[in-house]
Amino acid sequence: MKAKQIQSYDIPLHDIKPIVDVQEYSLYYFLGTVFLALVAFGLVSYLIYIYIKKRNAFNIRKEHLKLINELDLSNTKQSAYALTTYGMTFKDDSDRHKEMFKNITERLEAYKYKKKVDSFDDETLGFIELYKEMIDV
């Protein structure tokens, strides 16, 4: 029997280069994109929360202005007390408001501490309307 000859295929190849490791960054790109999306979502959520909170916030000045405008001036005694109480909220807005509030409270004194009171006179009604118009919220 003839011995089989083992052929060697270890021929040096000069045109083919060895396998090179290629750095894969797609996972990092994906994680970075997800992180940026979460930060953007969190920021938008926070801004919406602040907007809703601010919109629904209780504003004592708006409430007092609403109560002053809804006063029944035919009920003189209660209106005088209410104008004094709710008007105090706006008296420190400016010197003009302070002076007007002082003038109104002096005029309302005649309608407060008596058992029976008359209706507001025209001059007092004029001052009340002027004070209502001066108020800014």
Protein backbone atom coordinates (compact mmCIF):
# COMPACT_ATOMS: atom_id res chain seq x y z
CA MET A 1 0.00 0.00 0.00
CA LYS A 2 1.09 3.26 -0.84
CA ALA A 3 1.20 5.78 1.84
CA LYS A 4 -1.04 8.62 1.19
CA GLN A 5 0.67 11.81 0.88
CA ILE A 6 -0.60 14.58 3.03
CA GLN A 7 -0.88 17.72 1.09
CA SER A 8 -0.34 20.94 2.86
CA TYR A 9 -2.56 23.85 2.10
CA ASP A 10 -0.53 26.33 4.05
CA ILE A 11 0.12 28.48 1.11
CA PRO A 12 0.90 32.03 2.13
CA LEU A 13 -1.76 34.41 0.88
CA HIS A 14 -0.63 37.95 0.43
CA ASP A 15 -3.92 39.54 -0.71
CA ILE A 16 -6.15 38.64 2.27
CA LYS A 17 -5.71 40.51 5.51
CA PRO A 18 -6.52 39.05 8.92
CA ILE A 19 -9.85 39.72 10.63
CA VAL A 20 -9.90 43.06 12.41
CA ASP A 21 -12.03 43.91 15.49
CA VAL A 22 -14.47 46.70 14.66
CA GLN A 23 -15.68 48.77 17.60
CA GLU A 24 -19.46 48.64 17.92
CA TYR A 25 -21.00 51.86 19.32
CA SER A 26 -24.65 51.32 18.44
CA LEU A 27 -25.55 50.28 22.02
CA TYR A 28 -24.07 53.52 23.34
CA TYR A 29 -25.92 55.54 20.73
CA PHE A 30 -29.16 53.79 21.66
CA LEU A 31 -28.66 54.35 25.40
CA GLY A 32 -27.79 58.01 24.80
CA THR A 33 -30.90 58.51 22.68
CA VAL A 34 -33.10 56.85 25.30
CA PHE A 35 -31.55 59.01 28.03
CA LEU A 36 -32.13 62.22 26.07
CA ALA A 37 -35.71 61.17 25.31
CA LEU A 38 -36.36 60.51 29.02
CA VAL A 39 -34.87 63.87 30.00
CA ALA A 40 -37.00 65.66 27.37
CA PHE A 41 -40.12 63.79 28.51
CA GLY A 42 -39.39 64.66 32.14
CA LEU A 43 -38.87 68.32 31.29
CA VAL A 44 -42.09 68.54 29.29
CA SER A 45 -43.98 66.75 32.08
CA TYR A 46 -42.58 69.16 34.68
CA LEU A 47 -43.53 72.21 32.60
CA ILE A 48 -47.07 70.89 32.14
CA TYR A 49 -47.32 70.24 35.88
CA ILE A 50 -46.17 73.78 36.71
CA TYR A 51 -48.61 75.26 34.18
CA ILE A 52 -51.56 73.32 35.62
CA LYS A 53 -50.54 74.12 39.19
CA LYS A 54 -50.24 77.82 38.43
CA ARG A 55 -53.53 77.90 36.55
CA ASN A 56 -55.44 76.26 39.39
CA ALA A 57 -53.73 78.18 42.19
CA PHE A 58 -55.99 79.98 44.64
CA ASN A 59 -55.71 83.75 44.31
CA ILE A 60 -57.12 85.62 47.30
CA ARG A 61 -57.10 88.92 45.41
CA LYS A 62 -59.29 87.50 42.62
CA GLU A 63 -61.67 86.00 45.16
CA HIS A 64 -62.01 89.27 47.09
CA LEU A 65 -62.55 91.27 43.90
CA LYS A 66 -65.23 88.80 42.86
CA LEU A 67 -66.92 89.12 46.27
CA ILE A 68 -66.77 92.93 46.14
CA ASN A 69 -68.31 92.99 42.67
CA GLU A 70 -71.08 90.59 43.77
CA LEU A 71 -72.07 92.65 46.81
CA ASP A 72 -75.75 93.46 47.19
CA LEU A 73 -75.56 97.17 47.94
CA SER A 74 -79.23 97.23 48.91
CA ASN A 75 -78.26 95.37 52.10
CA THR A 76 -76.38 98.36 53.46
CA LYS A 77 -75.02 97.10 56.77
CA GLN A 78 -73.58 93.82 55.46
CA SER A 79 -72.20 95.56 52.38
CA ALA A 80 -70.41 98.13 54.55
CA TYR A 81 -68.74 95.40 56.61
CA ALA A 82 -67.88 93.34 53.53
CA LEU A 83 -66.40 96.33 51.67
CA THR A 84 -64.21 97.11 54.66
CA THR A 85 -63.07 93.50 55.03
CA TYR A 86 -62.46 92.68 51.38
CA GLY A 87 -61.22 96.15 50.46
CA MET A 88 -58.35 95.77 52.93
CA THR A 89 -56.77 93.30 50.50
CA PHE A 90 -56.19 96.08 47.95
CA LYS A 91 -55.43 99.08 50.16
CA ASP A 92 -51.64 98.68 50.02
CA ASP A 93 -51.44 98.57 46.21
CA SER A 94 -50.54 102.25 45.97
CA ASP A 95 -50.84 105.51 47.88
CA ARG A 96 -53.93 106.33 45.84
CA HIS A 97 -55.57 103.04 46.88
CA LYS A 98 -54.66 103.68 50.51
CA GLU A 99 -56.20 107.15 50.45
CA MET A 100 -59.32 105.90 48.69
CA PHE A 101 -59.74 103.02 51.15
CA LYS A 102 -59.38 105.42 54.08
CA ASN A 103 -62.01 107.71 52.54
CA ILE A 104 -64.43 104.80 51.93
CA THR A 105 -64.03 103.37 55.45
CA GLU A 106 -64.77 106.80 56.93
CA ARG A 107 -67.92 107.02 54.83
CA LEU A 108 -68.97 103.46 55.71
CA GLU A 109 -68.67 104.08 59.47
CA ALA A 110 -72.13 105.67 59.43
CA TYR A 111 -73.62 102.41 58.11
CA LYS A 112 -71.92 99.90 60.41
CA TYR A 113 -72.58 100.30 64.09
CA LYS A 114 -76.28 101.10 64.18
CA LYS A 115 -79.17 98.71 64.54
CA LYS A 116 -81.07 100.27 61.63
CA VAL A 117 -79.29 102.00 58.77
CA ASP A 118 -80.47 103.87 55.70
CA SER A 119 -79.47 103.03 52.16
CA PHE A 120 -76.17 104.30 50.81
CA ASP A 121 -76.32 107.89 49.66
CA ASP A 122 -75.35 108.72 46.09
CA GLU A 123 -71.95 110.10 47.04
CA THR A 124 -70.99 106.93 48.94
CA LEU A 125 -72.21 104.76 46.05
CA GLY A 126 -70.03 106.83 43.72
CA PHE A 127 -66.99 106.26 45.92
CA ILE A 128 -67.72 102.53 46.11
CA GLU A 129 -67.96 102.26 42.31
CA LEU A 130 -64.77 104.30 41.89
CA TYR A 131 -62.93 102.01 44.33
CA LYS A 132 -64.17 98.93 42.45
CA GLU A 133 -62.84 100.37 39.19
CA MET A 134 -59.45 101.17 40.74
CA ILE A 135 -58.79 97.58 41.79
CA ASP A 136 -56.38 95.61 39.62
CA VAL A 137 -55.81 91.88 40.03
